[in-house]
PDB file of N, CA and C in Angstrom:
ATOM      1  N   MET A   1     173.262  54.778-163.635  1.00  0.00           N
ATOM      2  CA  MET A   1     172.359  53.988-164.845  1.00  0.00           C
ATOM      3  C   MET A   1     171.464  53.517-164.030  1.00  0.00           C
ATOM      4  N   LYS A   2     170.305  53.399-164.746  1.00  0.00           N
ATOM      5  CA  LYS A   2     168.987  52.667-164.259  1.00  0.00           C
ATOM      6  C   LYS A   2     168.635  52.103-165.274  1.00  0.00           C
ATOM      7  N   ILE A   3     168.370  50.843-165.152  1.00  0.00           N
ATOM      8  CA  ILE A   3     168.276  49.589-165.930  1.00  0.00           C
ATOM      9  C   ILE A   3     166.700  49.188-165.840  1.00  0.00           C
ATOM     10  N   ALA A   4     165.791  48.865-166.851  1.00  0.00           N
ATOM     11  CA  ALA A   4     164.579  48.566-166.544  1.00  0.00           C
ATOM     12  C   ALA A   4     164.738  47.127-167.314  1.00  0.00           C
ATOM     13  N   VAL A   5     163.843  46.233-166.942  1.00  0.00           N
ATOM     14  CA  VAL A   5     163.600  44.667-167.349  1.00  0.00           C
ATOM     15  C   VAL A   5     162.384  44.565-167.698  1.00  0.00           C
ATOM     16  N   THR A   6     161.720  44.092-168.687  1.00  0.00           N
ATOM     17  CA  THR A   6     160.362  43.762-169.213  1.00  0.00           C
ATOM     18  C   THR A   6     160.556  42.169-168.059  1.00  0.00           C
ATOM     19  N   TYR A   7     159.521  41.833-167.168  1.00  0.00           N
ATOM     20  CA  TYR A   7     159.509  41.357-165.863  1.00  0.00           C
ATOM     21  C   TYR A   7     158.246  40.335-165.599  1.00  0.00           C
ATOM     22  N   GLU A   8     158.352  39.275-165.521  1.00  0.00           N
ATOM     23  CA  GLU A   8     157.451  38.194-165.069  1.00  0.00           C
ATOM     24  C   GLU A   8     157.728  37.001-164.486  1.00  0.00           C
ATOM     25  N   ALA A   9     157.481  36.939-163.059  1.00  0.00           N
ATOM     26  CA  ALA A   9     158.099  35.916-162.063  1.00  0.00           C
ATOM     27  C   ALA A   9     159.533  35.218-162.335  1.00  0.00           C
ATOM     28  N   GLY A  10     159.916  36.599-162.142  1.00  0.00           N
ATOM     29  CA  GLY A  10     161.727  36.196-162.519  1.00  0.00           C
ATOM     30  C   GLY A  10     162.280  36.242-163.601  1.00  0.00           C
ATOM     31  N   GLN A  11     161.384  35.957-164.561  1.00  0.00           N
ATOM     32  CA  GLN A  11     162.052  35.959-166.183  1.00  0.00           C
ATOM     33  C   GLN A  11     161.754  37.275-166.829  1.00  0.00           C
ATOM     34  N   ILE A  12     162.572  37.488-167.941  1.00  0.00           N
ATOM     35  CA  ILE A  12     162.501  38.651-168.843  1.00  0.00           C
ATOM     36  C   ILE A  12     160.920  38.589-169.786  1.00  0.00           C
ATOM     37  N   PHE A  13     160.021  39.201-169.305  1.00  0.00           N
ATOM     38  CA  PHE A  13     158.716  39.018-170.114  1.00  0.00           C
ATOM     39  C   PHE A  13     158.762  39.120-171.512  1.00  0.00           C
ATOM     40  N   GLN A  14     158.361  38.442-172.293  1.00  0.00           N
ATOM     41  CA  GLN A  14     158.453  38.401-173.770  1.00  0.00           C
ATOM     42  C   GLN A  14     157.871  39.333-174.941  1.00  0.00           C
ATOM     43  N   HIS A  15     157.058  40.348-174.415  1.00  0.00           N
ATOM     44  CA  HIS A  15     156.563  40.895-175.373  1.00  0.00           C
ATOM     45  C   HIS A  15     156.161  42.550-174.738  1.00  0.00           C
ATOM     46  N   PHE A  16     157.311  43.570-175.104  1.00  0.00           N
ATOM     47  CA  PHE A  16     157.367  44.479-174.615  1.00  0.00           C
ATOM     48  C   PHE A  16     156.049  45.093-174.311  1.00  0.00           C
ATOM     49  N   GLY A  17     155.094  45.326-175.334  1.00  0.00           N
ATOM     50  CA  GLY A  17     154.124  46.217-175.707  1.00  0.00           C
ATOM     51  C   GLY A  17     153.179  45.737-174.388  1.00  0.00           C
ATOM     52  N   HIS A  18     153.177  44.353-173.901  1.00  0.00           N
ATOM     53  CA  HIS A  18     151.995  44.028-173.150  1.00  0.00           C
ATOM     54  C   HIS A  18     152.560  43.545-171.913  1.00  0.00           C
ATOM     55  N   THR A  19     153.787  44.583-171.668  1.00  0.00           N
ATOM     56  CA  THR A  19     154.620  44.519-170.267  1.00  0.00           C
ATOM     57  C   THR A  19     153.857  45.088-169.135  1.00  0.00           C
ATOM     58  N   ALA A  20     153.122  44.199-168.074  1.00  0.00           N
ATOM     59  CA  ALA A  20     152.317  44.579-167.051  1.00  0.00           C
ATOM     60  C   ALA A  20     153.439  44.824-165.712  1.00  0.00           C
ATOM     61  N   CYS A  21     154.875  45.121-165.683  1.00  0.00           N
ATOM     62  CA  CYS A  21     155.840  45.032-164.652  1.00  0.00           C
ATOM     63  C   CYS A  21     156.849  45.338-165.077  1.00  0.00           C
ATOM     64  N   PHE A  22     157.840  45.880-164.674  1.00  0.00           N
ATOM     65  CA  PHE A  22     159.093  46.045-164.880  1.00  0.00           C
ATOM     66  C   PHE A  22     160.187  46.116-163.661  1.00  0.00           C
ATOM     67  N   LYS A  23     161.152  45.610-163.895  1.00  0.00           N
ATOM     68  CA  LYS A  23     162.010  45.156-162.456  1.00  0.00           C
ATOM     69  C   LYS A  23     162.839  46.386-163.216  1.00  0.00           C
ATOM     70  N   PHE A  24     163.461  47.256-161.814  1.00  0.00           N
ATOM     71  CA  PHE A  24     164.166  48.385-162.214  1.00  0.00           C
ATOM     72  C   PHE A  24     165.308  48.246-161.255  1.00  0.00           C
ATOM     73  N   TYR A  25     166.677  48.453-161.804  1.00  0.00           N
ATOM     74  CA  TYR A  25     167.937  48.331-161.465  1.00  0.00           C
ATOM     75  C   TYR A  25     168.648  49.535-161.025  1.00  0.00           C
ATOM     76  N   GLU A  26     169.132  49.908-160.329  1.00  0.00           N
ATOM     77  CA  GLU A  26     169.833  50.949-159.878  1.00  0.00           C
ATOM     78  C   GLU A  26     171.473  50.495-159.880  1.00  0.00           C
ATOM     79  N   VAL A  27     172.081  51.129-160.831  1.00  0.00           N
ATOM     80  CA  VAL A  27     173.678  50.802-160.844  1.00  0.00           C
ATOM     81  C   VAL A  27     174.635  51.860-160.625  1.00  0.00           C
ATOM     82  N   GLU A  28     175.384  51.705-159.439  1.00  0.00           N
ATOM     83  CA  GLU A  28     176.640  52.663-159.278  1.00  0.00           C
ATOM     84  C   GLU A  28     177.974  51.774-159.254  1.00  0.00           C
ATOM     85  N   ASN A  29     178.794  52.298-159.843  1.00  0.00           N
ATOM     86  CA  ASN A  29     180.136  51.811-160.197  1.00  0.00           C
ATOM     87  C   ASN A  29     180.234  50.478-160.571  1.00  0.00           C
ATOM     88  N   GLY A  30     179.386  50.399-161.653  1.00  0.00           N
ATOM     89  CA  GLY A  30     179.214  48.862-162.152  1.00  0.00           C
ATOM     90  C   GLY A  30     178.474  47.670-161.266  1.00  0.00           C
ATOM     91  N   LYS A  31     178.111  48.387-160.387  1.00  0.00           N
ATOM     92  CA  LYS A  31     177.155  46.960-159.574  1.00  0.00           C
ATOM     93  C   LYS A  31     176.130  47.498-159.255  1.00  0.00           C
ATOM     94  N   ILE A  32     175.100  46.682-159.127  1.00  0.00           N
ATOM     95  CA  ILE A  32     173.882  46.905-158.538  1.00  0.00           C
ATOM     96  C   ILE A  32     173.629  47.381-157.093  1.00  0.00           C
ATOM     97  N   ALA A  33     173.001  48.503-157.271  1.00  0.00           N
ATOM     98  CA  ALA A  33     173.016  49.160-155.797  1.00  0.00           C
ATOM     99  C   ALA A  33     171.340  49.246-155.186  1.00  0.00           C
ATOM    100  N   GLY A  34     170.153  48.849-155.976  1.00  0.00           N
ATOM    101  CA  GLY A  34     169.214  48.533-155.796  1.00  0.00           C
ATOM    102  C   GLY A  34     168.380  48.041-156.656  1.00  0.00           C
ATOM    103  N   GLU A  35     167.218  47.611-156.193  1.00  0.00           N
ATOM    104  CA  GLU A  35     166.002  46.691-157.246  1.00  0.00           C
ATOM    105  C   GLU A  35     164.751  47.100-156.755  1.00  0.00           C
ATOM    106  N   GLN A  36     163.593  47.213-157.811  1.00  0.00           N
ATOM    107  CA  GLN A  36     162.559  47.616-157.240  1.00  0.00           C
ATOM    108  C   GLN A  36     161.522  47.169-158.687  1.00  0.00           C
ATOM    109  N   LEU A  37     160.471  46.442-157.971  1.00  0.00           N
ATOM    110  CA  LEU A  37     159.161  45.950-158.955  1.00  0.00           C
ATOM    111  C   LEU A  37     158.364  47.163-159.327  1.00  0.00           C
ATOM    112  N   LYS A  38     157.920  47.367-160.518  1.00  0.00           N
ATOM    113  CA  LYS A  38     156.882  48.736-160.354  1.00  0.00           C
ATOM    114  C   LYS A  38     155.938  48.231-161.464  1.00  0.00           C
ATOM    115  N   ASP A  39     154.675  48.232-161.244  1.00  0.00           N
ATOM    116  CA  ASP A  39     153.316  48.125-162.168  1.00  0.00           C
ATOM    117  C   ASP A  39     153.386  49.304-163.213  1.00  0.00           C
ATOM    118  N   THR A  40     153.076  48.902-164.428  1.00  0.00           N
ATOM    119  CA  THR A  40     152.924  49.823-165.662  1.00  0.00           C
ATOM    120  C   THR A  40     151.372  50.808-165.401  1.00  0.00           C
ATOM    121  N   ALA A  41     150.750  49.944-164.625  1.00  0.00           N
ATOM    122  CA  ALA A  41     149.152  50.585-164.465  1.00  0.00           C
ATOM    123  C   ALA A  41     148.800  50.638-166.015  1.00  0.00           C
ATOM    124  N   GLY A  42     148.644  49.608-166.465  1.00  0.00           N
ATOM    125  CA  GLY A  42     148.107  49.652-167.846  1.00  0.00           C
ATOM    126  C   GLY A  42     148.340  50.528-168.773  1.00  0.00           C
ATOM    127  N   SER A  43     149.861  51.005-169.019  1.00  0.00           N
ATOM    128  CA  SER A  43     150.489  51.623-169.908  1.00  0.00           C
ATOM    129  C   SER A  43     150.819  50.309-171.134  1.00  0.00           C
ATOM    130  N   GLY A  44     150.808  50.911-172.151  1.00  0.00           N
ATOM    131  CA  GLY A  44     150.853  49.730-172.970  1.00  0.00           C
ATOM    132  C   GLY A  44     151.766  50.520-174.156  1.00  0.00           C
ATOM    133  N   HIS A  45     152.274  49.603-175.314  1.00  0.00           N
ATOM    134  CA  HIS A  45     152.859  50.089-176.456  1.00  0.00           C
ATOM    135  C   HIS A  45     153.633  51.316-176.488  1.00  0.00           C
ATOM    136  N   GLY A  46     153.486  52.160-177.082  1.00  0.00           N
ATOM    137  CA  GLY A  46     153.904  53.756-177.251  1.00  0.00           C
ATOM    138  C   GLY A  46     154.151  53.914-175.797  1.00  0.00           C
ATOM    139  N   ALA A  47     153.017  53.856-174.867  1.00  0.00           N
ATOM    140  CA  ALA A  47     153.326  54.822-173.910  1.00  0.00           C
ATOM    141  C   ALA A  47     154.292  54.319-172.771  1.00  0.00           C
ATOM    142  N   LEU A  48     154.855  53.220-173.031  1.00  0.00           N
ATOM    143  CA  LEU A  48     155.753  52.637-172.208  1.00  0.00           C
ATOM    144  C   LEU A  48     157.110  53.248-172.394  1.00  0.00           C
ATOM    145  N   ALA A  49     157.614  53.922-173.326  1.00  0.00           N
ATOM    146  CA  ALA A  49     158.427  54.475-173.085  1.00  0.00           C
ATOM    147  C   ALA A  49     158.718  55.787-172.555  1.00  0.00           C
ATOM    148  N   GLY A  50     157.546  56.369-172.672  1.00  0.00           N
ATOM    149  CA  GLY A  50     157.395  57.535-171.998  1.00  0.00           C
ATOM    150  C   GLY A  50     157.475  57.389-170.287  1.00  0.00           C
ATOM    151  N   PHE A  51     156.677  56.099-170.216  1.00  0.00           N
ATOM    152  CA  PHE A  51     156.511  55.729-168.782  1.00  0.00           C
ATOM    153  C   PHE A  51     158.287  55.369-168.255  1.00  0.00           C
ATOM    154  N   LEU A  52     159.048  54.703-169.066  1.00  0.00           N
ATOM    155  CA  LEU A  52     160.621  54.554-168.492  1.00  0.00           C
ATOM    156  C   LEU A  52     161.000  55.610-168.512  1.00  0.00           C
ATOM    157  N   LYS A  53     161.152  56.526-169.353  1.00  0.00           N
ATOM    158  CA  LYS A  53     161.703  58.012-169.266  1.00  0.00           C
ATOM    159  C   LYS A  53     161.291  58.820-168.019  1.00  0.00           C
ATOM    160  N   ASN A  54     160.175  58.556-167.703  1.00  0.00           N
ATOM    161  CA  ASN A  54     159.857  59.058-166.721  1.00  0.00           C
ATOM    162  C   ASN A  54     160.253  58.465-165.455  1.00  0.00           C
ATOM    163  N   GLU A  55     160.666  57.204-165.300  1.00  0.00           N
ATOM    164  CA  GLU A  55     161.258  56.622-164.211  1.00  0.00           C
ATOM    165  C   GLU A  55     162.610  56.762-164.203  1.00  0.00           C
ATOM    166  N   GLY A  56     163.287  57.690-165.254  1.00  0.00           N
ATOM    167  CA  GLY A  56     164.825  58.049-165.396  1.00  0.00           C
ATOM    168  C   GLY A  56     165.563  56.688-166.223  1.00  0.00           C
ATOM    169  N   VAL A  57     164.919  55.820-166.649  1.00  0.00           N
ATOM    170  CA  VAL A  57     165.773  54.614-166.944  1.00  0.00           C
ATOM    171  C   VAL A  57     166.179  54.959-168.575  1.00  0.00           C
ATOM    172  N   ASP A  58     167.520  54.846-168.435  1.00  0.00           N
ATOM    173  CA  ASP A  58     168.276  54.953-169.946  1.00  0.00           C
ATOM    174  C   ASP A  58     168.808  53.497-170.287  1.00  0.00           C
ATOM    175  N   THR A  59     168.240  52.426-169.727  1.00  0.00           N
ATOM    176  CA  THR A  59     168.893  51.073-170.577  1.00  0.00           C
ATOM    177  C   THR A  59     167.641  50.253-170.289  1.00  0.00           C
ATOM    178  N   LEU A  60     167.384  49.340-171.319  1.00  0.00           N
ATOM    179  CA  LEU A  60     165.963  48.280-171.179  1.00  0.00           C
ATOM    180  C   LEU A  60     166.709  46.966-171.701  1.00  0.00           C
ATOM    181  N   ILE A  61     166.185  46.083-171.093  1.00  0.00           N
ATOM    182  CA  ILE A  61     166.548  44.846-171.502  1.00  0.00           C
ATOM    183  C   ILE A  61     164.941  44.122-171.451  1.00  0.00           C
ATOM    184  N   CYS A  62     164.909  43.409-173.025  1.00  0.00           N
ATOM    185  CA  CYS A  62     163.630  42.774-173.108  1.00  0.00           C
ATOM    186  C   CYS A  62     163.749  41.785-174.122  1.00  0.00           C
ATOM    187  N   GLY A  63     162.524  41.028-174.003  1.00  0.00           N
ATOM    188  CA  GLY A  63     162.743  40.183-175.261  1.00  0.00           C
ATOM    189  C   GLY A  63     161.956  40.633-176.665  1.00  0.00           C
ATOM    190  N   GLY A  64     160.811  40.203-177.396  1.00  0.00           N
ATOM    191  CA  GLY A  64     160.349  40.941-178.423  1.00  0.00           C
ATOM    192  C   GLY A  64     159.964  42.154-178.203  1.00  0.00           C
ATOM    193  N   ILE A  65     159.986  43.192-179.437  1.00  0.00           N
ATOM    194  CA  ILE A  65     159.369  44.742-179.301  1.00  0.00           C
ATOM    195  C   ILE A  65     159.467  44.903-180.653  1.00  0.00           C
ATOM    196  N   GLY A  66     158.060  45.640-180.944  1.00  0.00           N
ATOM    197  CA  GLY A  66     157.794  46.210-182.360  1.00  0.00           C
ATOM    198  C   GLY A  66     158.724  47.343-182.468  1.00  0.00           C
ATOM    199  N   LEU A  67     158.441  47.715-183.927  1.00  0.00           N
ATOM    200  CA  LEU A  67     159.137  48.993-184.670  1.00  0.00           C
ATOM    201  C   LEU A  67     158.754  50.140-183.781  1.00  0.00           C
ATOM    202  N   GLY A  68     157.447  50.254-183.687  1.00  0.00           N
ATOM    203  CA  GLY A  68     157.119  51.451-183.100  1.00  0.00           C
ATOM    204  C   GLY A  68     157.518  51.704-181.965  1.00  0.00           C
ATOM    205  N   ALA A  69     158.271  50.922-181.196  1.00  0.00           N
ATOM    206  CA  ALA A  69     158.594  51.066-179.697  1.00  0.00           C
ATOM    207  C   ALA A  69     159.936  50.870-179.799  1.00  0.00           C
ATOM    208  N   LYS A  70     160.528  50.242-180.734  1.00  0.00           N
ATOM    209  CA  LYS A  70     161.902  50.571-180.622  1.00  0.00           C
ATOM    210  C   LYS A  70     162.195  52.356-180.839  1.00  0.00           C
ATOM    211  N   ASN A  71     161.402  52.882-181.958  1.00  0.00           N
ATOM    212  CA  ASN A  71     161.722  54.107-181.969  1.00  0.00           C
ATOM    213  C   ASN A  71     161.180  55.291-181.027  1.00  0.00           C
ATOM    214  N   ALA A  72     160.074  54.848-180.451  1.00  0.00           N
ATOM    215  CA  ALA A  72     159.855  55.809-179.196  1.00  0.00           C
ATOM    216  C   ALA A  72     161.163  55.235-178.132  1.00  0.00           C
ATOM    217  N   LEU A  73     161.698  54.496-178.138  1.00  0.00           N
ATOM    218  CA  LEU A  73     162.558  54.483-177.017  1.00  0.00           C
ATOM    219  C   LEU A  73     163.678  55.150-177.435  1.00  0.00           C
ATOM    220  N   ALA A  74     164.166  55.103-178.641  1.00  0.00           N
ATOM    221  CA  ALA A  74     165.455  55.693-179.330  1.00  0.00           C
ATOM    222  C   ALA A  74     165.176  57.466-179.024  1.00  0.00           C
ATOM    223  N   GLU A  75     163.949  57.854-179.302  1.00  0.00           N
ATOM    224  CA  GLU A  75     163.496  59.055-179.242  1.00  0.00           C
ATOM    225  C   GLU A  75     163.856  59.574-177.956  1.00  0.00           C
ATOM    226  N   ALA A  76     163.537  58.322-176.863  1.00  0.00           N
ATOM    227  CA  ALA A  76     163.619  58.857-175.651  1.00  0.00           C
ATOM    228  C   ALA A  76     165.117  58.502-174.930  1.00  0.00           C
ATOM    229  N   GLY A  77     165.988  58.400-175.659  1.00  0.00           N
ATOM    230  CA  GLY A  77     167.256  58.173-175.382  1.00  0.00           C
ATOM    231  C   GLY A  77     167.412  56.971-174.471  1.00  0.00           C
ATOM    232  N   ILE A  78     166.700  55.885-174.692  1.00  0.00           N
ATOM    233  CA  ILE A  78     166.920  54.734-173.826  1.00  0.00           C
ATOM    234  C   ILE A  78     167.600  53.705-174.434  1.00  0.00           C
ATOM    235  N   ARG A  79     168.856  53.077-174.228  1.00  0.00           N
ATOM    236  CA  ARG A  79     169.349  51.918-174.926  1.00  0.00           C
ATOM    237  C   ARG A  79     168.885  50.857-174.879  1.00  0.00           C
ATOM    238  N   LEU A  80     168.689  50.060-176.236  1.00  0.00           N
ATOM    239  CA  LEU A  80     167.647  48.776-176.161  1.00  0.00           C
ATOM    240  C   LEU A  80     168.519  47.550-176.430  1.00  0.00           C
ATOM    241  N   TYR A  81     168.288  46.642-175.330  1.00  0.00           N
ATOM    242  CA  TYR A  81     168.801  45.383-175.583  1.00  0.00           C
ATOM    243  C   TYR A  81     168.000  44.117-175.808  1.00  0.00           C
ATOM    244  N   GLY A  82     167.332  43.977-176.867  1.00  0.00           N
ATOM    245  CA  GLY A  82     166.204  42.994-176.982  1.00  0.00           C
ATOM    246  C   GLY A  82     166.671  41.701-177.542  1.00  0.00           C
ATOM    247  N   GLY A  83     165.455  40.937-177.514  1.00  0.00           N
ATOM    248  CA  GLY A  83     165.791  39.449-178.127  1.00  0.00           C
ATOM    249  C   GLY A  83     166.373  38.601-176.917  1.00  0.00           C
ATOM    250  N   ILE A  84     166.194  38.730-175.956  1.00  0.00           N
ATOM    251  CA  ILE A  84     167.058  38.310-174.635  1.00  0.00           C
ATOM    252  C   ILE A  84     165.793  37.538-173.773  1.00  0.00           C
ATOM    253  N   SER A  85     166.064  36.280-173.402  1.00  0.00           N
ATOM    254  CA  SER A  85     165.270  35.484-172.545  1.00  0.00           C
ATOM    255  C   SER A  85     165.727  34.863-171.244  1.00  0.00           C
ATOM    256  N   GLY A  86     164.862  34.578-170.550  1.00  0.00           N
ATOM    257  CA  GLY A  86     165.639  33.999-169.075  1.00  0.00           C
ATOM    258  C   GLY A  86     165.731  34.691-167.956  1.00  0.00           C
ATOM    259  N   SER A  87     166.478  34.448-166.970  1.00  0.00           N
ATOM    260  CA  SER A  87     166.513  35.222-165.975  1.00  0.00           C
ATOM    261  C   SER A  87     166.537  36.673-165.886  1.00  0.00           C
ATOM    262  N   ALA A  88     165.868  37.399-165.509  1.00  0.00           N
ATOM    263  CA  ALA A  88     166.309  38.964-165.134  1.00  0.00           C
ATOM    264  C   ALA A  88     167.412  39.471-164.715  1.00  0.00           C
ATOM    265  N   ASP A  89     167.563  38.968-163.298  1.00  0.00           N
ATOM    266  CA  ASP A  89     168.886  39.220-162.688  1.00  0.00           C
ATOM    267  C   ASP A  89     170.033  38.615-163.400  1.00  0.00           C
ATOM    268  N   GLU A  90     169.841  37.656-163.902  1.00  0.00           N
ATOM    269  CA  GLU A  90     171.364  37.121-164.750  1.00  0.00           C
ATOM    270  C   GLU A  90     171.553  37.921-166.155  1.00  0.00           C
ATOM    271  N   ALA A  91     170.349  38.408-166.597  1.00  0.00           N
ATOM    272  CA  ALA A  91     170.726  39.177-167.927  1.00  0.00           C
ATOM    273  C   ALA A  91     171.425  40.679-167.472  1.00  0.00           C
ATOM    274  N   VAL A  92     170.804  41.136-166.361  1.00  0.00           N
ATOM    275  CA  VAL A  92     171.414  42.450-165.827  1.00  0.00           C
ATOM    276  C   VAL A  92     172.803  42.363-165.489  1.00  0.00           C
ATOM    277  N   ARG A  93     173.423  40.836-164.660  1.00  0.00           N
ATOM    278  CA  ARG A  93     174.408  40.842-164.425  1.00  0.00           C
ATOM    279  C   ARG A  93     175.489  40.605-165.616  1.00  0.00           C
ATOM    280  N   ALA A  94     174.842  40.069-166.764  1.00  0.00           N
ATOM    281  CA  ALA A  94     175.668  39.833-168.021  1.00  0.00           C
ATOM    282  C   ALA A  94     175.905  41.058-168.525  1.00  0.00           C
ATOM    283  N   LEU A  95     174.882  41.908-168.592  1.00  0.00           N
ATOM    284  CA  LEU A  95     174.916  43.426-169.182  1.00  0.00           C
ATOM    285  C   LEU A  95     176.144  43.788-168.251  1.00  0.00           C
ATOM    286  N   LEU A  96     176.237  44.165-167.090  1.00  0.00           N
ATOM    287  CA  LEU A  96     177.246  44.647-166.539  1.00  0.00           C
ATOM    288  C   LEU A  96     178.803  44.294-166.487  1.00  0.00           C
ATOM    289  N   ASN A  97     178.948  43.029-166.642  1.00  0.00           N
ATOM    290  CA  ASN A  97     180.134  42.131-166.867  1.00  0.00           C
ATOM    291  C   ASN A  97     180.617  42.257-168.680  1.00  0.00           C
ATOM    292  N   GLY A  98     179.763  42.834-169.404  1.00  0.00           N
ATOM    293  CA  GLY A  98     180.122  42.811-170.712  1.00  0.00           C
ATOM    294  C   GLY A  98     179.565  41.358-171.372  1.00  0.00           C
ATOM    295  N   SER A  99     179.018  40.492-171.104  1.00  0.00           N
ATOM    296  CA  SER A  99     178.851  39.368-171.718  1.00  0.00           C
ATOM    297  C   SER A  99     177.237  38.949-172.136  1.00  0.00           C
ATOM    298  N   LEU A 100     176.526  40.349-172.120  1.00  0.00           N
ATOM    299  CA  LEU A 100     175.217  39.612-172.428  1.00  0.00           C
ATOM    300  C   LEU A 100     175.122  39.639-174.187  1.00  0.00           C
ATOM    301  N   ARG A 101     174.337  38.646-174.518  1.00  0.00           N
ATOM    302  CA  ARG A 101     173.984  38.304-175.970  1.00  0.00           C
ATOM    303  C   ARG A 101     172.483  38.768-176.393  1.00  0.00           C
ATOM    304  N   TYR A 102     172.519  39.720-177.034  1.00  0.00           N
ATOM    305  CA  TYR A 102     171.325  40.322-177.456  1.00  0.00           C
ATOM    306  C   TYR A 102     171.149  40.503-179.188  1.00  0.00           C
ATOM    307  N   ASP A 103     170.069  40.811-179.548  1.00  0.00           N
ATOM    308  CA  ASP A 103     169.813  40.982-181.072  1.00  0.00           C
ATOM    309  C   ASP A 103     169.596  42.254-181.264  1.00  0.00           C
ATOM    310  N   PRO A 104     170.177  43.116-182.156  1.00  0.00           N
ATOM    311  CA  PRO A 104     169.961  44.396-182.267  1.00  0.00           C
ATOM    312  C   PRO A 104     168.876  44.784-183.137  1.00  0.00           C
ATOM    313  N   ASP A 105     168.508  43.584-184.159  1.00  0.00           N
ATOM    314  CA  ASP A 105     167.883  43.795-184.860  1.00  0.00           C
ATOM    315  C   ASP A 105     166.194  42.993-184.751  1.00  0.00           C
ATOM    316  N   ILE A 106     166.075  43.066-183.204  1.00  0.00           N
ATOM    317  CA  ILE A 106     164.730  42.055-182.817  1.00  0.00           C
ATOM    318  C   ILE A 106     163.410  43.319-183.370  1.00  0.00           C
ATOM    319  N   GLN A 107     162.738  42.359-183.432  1.00  0.00           N
ATOM    320  CA  GLN A 107     161.451  43.007-184.238  1.00  0.00           C
ATOM    321  C   GLN A 107     160.276  41.819-183.776  1.00  0.00           C
ATOM    322  N   CYS A 108     159.208  42.394-183.634  1.00  0.00           N
ATOM    323  CA  CYS A 108     158.044  41.688-182.814  1.00  0.00           C
ATOM    324  C   CYS A 108     157.051  42.220-184.018  1.00  0.00           C
ATOM    325  N   SER A 109     156.326  41.122-184.596  1.00  0.00           N
ATOM    326  CA  SER A 109     155.588  41.464-185.795  1.00  0.00           C
ATOM    327  C   SER A 109     154.308  40.862-185.751  1.00  0.00           C
ATOM    328  N   HIS A 110     154.009  40.098-184.614  1.00  0.00           N
ATOM    329  CA  HIS A 110     152.803  39.674-184.341  1.00  0.00           C
ATOM    330  C   HIS A 110     151.783  40.040-183.300  1.00  0.00           C
ATOM    331  N   HIS A 111     151.801  41.456-183.335  1.00  0.00           N
ATOM    332  CA  HIS A 111     150.924  42.019-182.636  1.00  0.00           C
ATOM    333  C   HIS A 111     149.403  41.743-182.709  1.00  0.00           C
ATOM    334  N   GLU A 112     148.879  41.613-184.089  1.00  0.00           N
ATOM    335  CA  GLU A 112     147.746  41.384-184.355  1.00  0.00           C
ATOM    336  C   GLU A 112     147.101  40.037-183.939  1.00  0.00           C
ATOM    337  N   HIS A 113     148.035  39.043-183.404  1.00  0.00           N
ATOM    338  CA  HIS A 113     147.724  37.840-183.446  1.00  0.00           C
ATOM    339  C   HIS A 113     147.572  37.448-182.062  1.00  0.00           C
ATOM    340  N   ALA A 114     146.927  36.290-181.554  1.00  0.00           N
ATOM    341  CA  ALA A 114     147.118  35.742-180.167  1.00  0.00           C
ATOM    342  C   ALA A 114     148.430  35.103-179.699  1.00  0.00           C
ATOM    343  N   HIS A 115     148.669  35.484-178.353  1.00  0.00           N
ATOM    344  CA  HIS A 115     149.909  35.122-177.997  1.00  0.00           C
ATOM    345  C   HIS A 115     150.060  33.903-177.103  1.00  0.00           C
ATOM    346  N   GLU A 116     150.348  32.843-178.200  1.00  0.00           N
ATOM    347  CA  GLU A 116     149.910  31.643-178.082  1.00  0.00           C
ATOM    348  C   GLU A 116     151.625  31.490-177.339  1.00  0.00           C
ATOM    349  N   GLY A 117     151.480  30.517-176.103  1.00  0.00           N
ATOM    350  CA  GLY A 117     152.685  30.102-175.442  1.00  0.00           C
ATOM    351  C   GLY A 117     153.003  31.067-174.270  1.00  0.00           C
ATOM    352  N   HIS A 118     152.531  32.238-174.144  1.00  0.00           N
ATOM    353  CA  HIS A 118     152.872  33.130-173.081  1.00  0.00           C
ATOM    354  C   HIS A 118     151.542  33.795-172.671  1.00  0.00           C
ATOM    355  N   GLY A 119     151.815  34.443-171.247  1.00  0.00           N
ATOM    356  CA  GLY A 119     150.719  35.019-170.904  1.00  0.00           C
ATOM    357  C   GLY A 119     151.024  36.758-171.166  1.00  0.00           C
ATOM    358  N   CYS A 120     150.209  37.329-171.230  1.00  0.00           N
ATOM    359  CA  CYS A 120     150.306  38.945-171.321  1.00  0.00           C
ATOM    360  C   CYS A 120     150.047  39.225-169.691  1.00  0.00           C
ATOM    361  N   GLY A 121     151.357  39.260-169.153  1.00  0.00           N
ATOM    362  CA  GLY A 121     151.110  39.425-167.830  1.00  0.00           C
ATOM    363  C   GLY A 121     150.312  40.500-167.093  1.00  0.00           C
ATOM    364  N   HIS A 122     149.360  40.605-166.008  1.00  0.00           N
ATOM    365  CA  HIS A 122     148.540  41.383-165.843  1.00  0.00           C
ATOM    366  C   HIS A 122     148.679  41.905-164.247  1.00  0.00           C
ATOM    367  N   HIS A 123     149.836  41.567-163.603  1.00  0.00           N
ATOM    368  CA  HIS A 123     150.248  41.918-162.452  1.00  0.00           C
ATOM    369  C   HIS A 123     151.590  41.996-161.995  1.00  0.00           C
ATOM    370  N   CYS A 124     152.240  42.903-160.971  1.00  0.00           N
ATOM    371  CA  CYS A 124     153.486  43.028-161.133  1.00  0.00           C
ATOM    372  C   CYS A 124     153.838  41.948-159.796  1.00  0.00           C
ATOM    373  N   GLY A 125     155.029  41.037-160.008  1.00  0.00           N
ATOM    374  CA  GLY A 125     155.253  39.995-158.927  1.00  0.00           C
ATOM    375  C   GLY A 125     155.950  38.993-159.019  1.00  0.00           C
TER     376      GLY A 125
END
């Protein structure tokens, strides 16, 4: 299993389509076997599903996400756990132990507005 988390400074980045960085978790036998940060190299919105698929991701944890991106992830066969905030590492641990609370109906609908209150990350790390 390979899990991707929208990532910024240890936290789950809250706008999937503007994600500049993912943290990848390799999972073996229900435990984290490896971690890696990877820059999206400017990919955005719909292109991110292809980026994740090319990385071998089968599960995504994120904050807000739009309907088009949700559809693209579904077409790519990537399971989505959206509407999550807080520590990326803690969210992955919660997913693995079956206690992750997420919103299956999450929908980000503010794409045309300025994103006040959070940055649209521009680097990985």
